[in-house]
């Protein structure tokens, strides 16, 4: 989680420094992709935890 936060901060900083629209759009898209990947990882972990601790499947 900390790595994702650091990467997003770096991408936003790069986007702020870049004068070209295409590069700025790329950095912002990468930051958005990183956030979405982190959200999906968390959902998968939560699903795994839920399936593991389901008493009806013991």
N, C-alpha and C. Protein backbone atom coordinates (compact mmCIF):
# COMPACT_ATOMS: atom_id res chain seq x y z
N UNK A 1 0.82 -1.18 0.00
CA UNK A 1 0.00 0.00 0.00
C UNK A 1 0.87 1.25 0.00
N UNK A 2 1.93 1.24 0.78
CA UNK A 2 2.81 2.41 0.85
C UNK A 2 3.51 2.63 -0.49
N UNK A 3 3.86 1.53 -1.15
CA UNK A 3 4.53 1.64 -2.45
C UNK A 3 3.60 2.28 -3.48
N UNK A 4 2.31 1.89 -3.43
CA UNK A 4 1.34 2.44 -4.37
C UNK A 4 1.15 3.92 -4.12
N UNK A 5 1.11 4.32 -2.87
CA UNK A 5 0.96 5.73 -2.52
C UNK A 5 2.16 6.53 -3.01
N UNK A 6 3.35 5.98 -2.79
CA UNK A 6 4.57 6.65 -3.24
C UNK A 6 4.57 6.79 -4.77
N UNK A 7 4.21 5.72 -5.47
CA UNK A 7 4.20 5.74 -6.93
C UNK A 7 3.19 6.77 -7.44
N UNK A 8 2.03 6.83 -6.84
CA UNK A 8 1.01 7.80 -7.26
C UNK A 8 1.51 9.23 -7.04
N UNK A 9 2.16 9.47 -5.91
CA UNK A 9 2.71 10.81 -5.65
C UNK A 9 3.75 11.18 -6.69
N UNK A 10 4.60 10.23 -7.05
CA UNK A 10 5.63 10.49 -8.05
C UNK A 10 5.01 10.78 -9.42
N UNK A 11 3.98 10.01 -9.77
CA UNK A 11 3.32 10.22 -11.06
C UNK A 11 2.62 11.57 -11.11
N UNK A 12 1.97 11.96 -10.02
CA UNK A 12 1.31 13.27 -9.98
C UNK A 12 2.34 14.40 -10.05
N UNK A 13 3.49 14.21 -9.41
CA UNK A 13 4.55 15.22 -9.46
C UNK A 13 5.09 15.35 -10.88
N UNK A 14 5.29 14.22 -11.54
CA UNK A 14 5.76 14.25 -12.93
C UNK A 14 4.74 14.92 -13.84
N UNK A 15 3.48 14.63 -13.61
CA UNK A 15 2.42 15.23 -14.43
C UNK A 15 2.39 16.75 -14.23
N UNK A 16 2.63 17.19 -13.01
CA UNK A 16 2.61 18.62 -12.74
C UNK A 16 3.79 19.35 -13.39
N UNK A 17 4.92 18.66 -13.52
CA UNK A 17 6.12 19.27 -14.10
C UNK A 17 6.13 19.25 -15.62
N UNK A 18 5.39 18.35 -16.22
CA UNK A 18 5.44 18.14 -17.66
C UNK A 18 4.59 19.15 -18.41
N UNK A 19 5.19 19.87 -19.36
CA UNK A 19 4.41 20.84 -20.12
C UNK A 19 3.60 20.21 -21.27
N UNK A 20 3.97 19.01 -21.69
CA UNK A 20 3.31 18.40 -22.84
C UNK A 20 2.08 17.61 -22.39
N UNK A 21 1.00 17.80 -23.13
CA UNK A 21 -0.28 17.19 -22.78
C UNK A 21 -0.23 15.67 -22.82
N UNK A 22 0.41 15.09 -23.83
CA UNK A 22 0.45 13.63 -23.97
C UNK A 22 1.17 12.98 -22.81
N UNK A 23 2.28 13.54 -22.40
CA UNK A 23 3.02 12.98 -21.28
C UNK A 23 2.22 13.12 -19.98
N UNK A 24 1.59 14.27 -19.79
CA UNK A 24 0.79 14.49 -18.59
C UNK A 24 -0.36 13.49 -18.54
N UNK A 25 -1.02 13.28 -19.67
CA UNK A 25 -2.12 12.33 -19.73
C UNK A 25 -1.63 10.91 -19.43
N UNK A 26 -0.44 10.58 -19.90
CA UNK A 26 0.12 9.26 -19.63
C UNK A 26 0.38 9.07 -18.14
N UNK A 27 0.99 10.05 -17.50
CA UNK A 27 1.27 9.95 -16.07
C UNK A 27 0.00 9.84 -15.25
N UNK A 28 -1.00 10.62 -15.60
CA UNK A 28 -2.26 10.57 -14.86
C UNK A 28 -2.98 9.25 -15.08
N UNK A 29 -2.91 8.72 -16.30
CA UNK A 29 -3.53 7.42 -16.59
C UNK A 29 -2.81 6.31 -15.82
N UNK A 30 -1.50 6.40 -15.71
CA UNK A 30 -0.75 5.39 -14.95
C UNK A 30 -1.11 5.45 -13.47
N UNK A 31 -1.28 6.65 -12.94
CA UNK A 31 -1.69 6.79 -11.54
C UNK A 31 -3.08 6.18 -11.32
N UNK A 32 -3.98 6.43 -12.24
CA UNK A 32 -5.33 5.86 -12.14
C UNK A 32 -5.30 4.34 -12.24
N UNK A 33 -4.47 3.82 -13.15
CA UNK A 33 -4.32 2.38 -13.29
C UNK A 33 -3.78 1.75 -12.01
N UNK A 34 -2.81 2.39 -11.42
CA UNK A 34 -2.22 1.90 -10.18
C UNK A 34 -3.26 1.85 -9.07
N UNK A 35 -4.07 2.88 -8.95
CA UNK A 35 -5.12 2.89 -7.94
C UNK A 35 -6.15 1.79 -8.18
N UNK A 36 -6.52 1.57 -9.43
CA UNK A 36 -7.48 0.52 -9.76
C UNK A 36 -6.91 -0.87 -9.46
N UNK A 37 -5.63 -1.07 -9.76
CA UNK A 37 -5.01 -2.35 -9.46
C UNK A 37 -4.99 -2.60 -7.95
N UNK A 38 -4.68 -1.57 -7.18
CA UNK A 38 -4.67 -1.71 -5.73
C UNK A 38 -6.06 -2.04 -5.20
N UNK A 39 -7.09 -1.42 -5.77
CA UNK A 39 -8.46 -1.70 -5.36
C UNK A 39 -8.82 -3.15 -5.66
N UNK A 40 -8.44 -3.64 -6.83
CA UNK A 40 -8.75 -5.03 -7.20
C UNK A 40 -8.00 -6.03 -6.34
N UNK A 41 -6.76 -5.71 -6.01
CA UNK A 41 -5.99 -6.59 -5.12
C UNK A 41 -6.68 -6.68 -3.76
N UNK A 42 -7.12 -5.53 -3.24
CA UNK A 42 -7.80 -5.52 -1.95
C UNK A 42 -9.10 -6.32 -2.01
N UNK A 43 -9.86 -6.19 -3.10
CA UNK A 43 -11.10 -6.95 -3.25
C UNK A 43 -10.82 -8.45 -3.28
N UNK A 44 -9.78 -8.85 -3.98
CA UNK A 44 -9.43 -10.27 -4.06
C UNK A 44 -9.01 -10.80 -2.69
N UNK A 45 -8.24 -10.01 -1.95
CA UNK A 45 -7.84 -10.44 -0.61
C UNK A 45 -9.04 -10.55 0.31
N UNK A 46 -9.95 -9.60 0.22
CA UNK A 46 -11.15 -9.65 1.05
C UNK A 46 -12.02 -10.85 0.70
N UNK A 47 -12.12 -11.16 -0.59
CA UNK A 47 -12.91 -12.33 -1.00
C UNK A 47 -12.28 -13.61 -0.48
N UNK A 48 -10.98 -13.70 -0.57
CA UNK A 48 -10.28 -14.87 -0.07
C UNK A 48 -10.48 -15.03 1.44
N UNK A 49 -10.37 -13.93 2.16
CA UNK A 49 -10.62 -13.98 3.61
C UNK A 49 -12.05 -14.42 3.90
N UNK A 50 -13.00 -13.91 3.16
CA UNK A 50 -14.40 -14.27 3.38
C UNK A 50 -14.66 -15.74 3.09
N UNK A 51 -14.06 -16.26 2.05
CA UNK A 51 -14.26 -17.67 1.73
C UNK A 51 -13.56 -18.58 2.74
N UNK A 52 -12.42 -18.15 3.23
CA UNK A 52 -11.67 -18.96 4.18
C UNK A 52 -12.40 -19.07 5.51
N UNK A 53 -13.02 -17.97 5.96
CA UNK A 53 -13.65 -17.95 7.26
C UNK A 53 -15.16 -18.21 7.21
N UNK A 54 -15.64 -18.80 6.15
CA UNK A 54 -17.06 -19.11 6.03
C UNK A 54 -17.35 -20.44 6.75
N UNK A 55 -18.04 -20.43 7.90
CA UNK A 55 -18.27 -21.65 8.67
C UNK A 55 -19.09 -22.70 7.91
N UNK A 56 -19.91 -22.31 6.96
CA UNK A 56 -20.72 -23.30 6.24
C UNK A 56 -19.88 -24.17 5.31
N UNK A 57 -18.67 -23.79 5.05
CA UNK A 57 -17.81 -24.59 4.17
C UNK A 57 -16.74 -25.36 4.94
N UNK A 58 -16.85 -25.42 6.25
CA UNK A 58 -15.85 -26.15 7.04
C UNK A 58 -16.15 -27.60 7.08
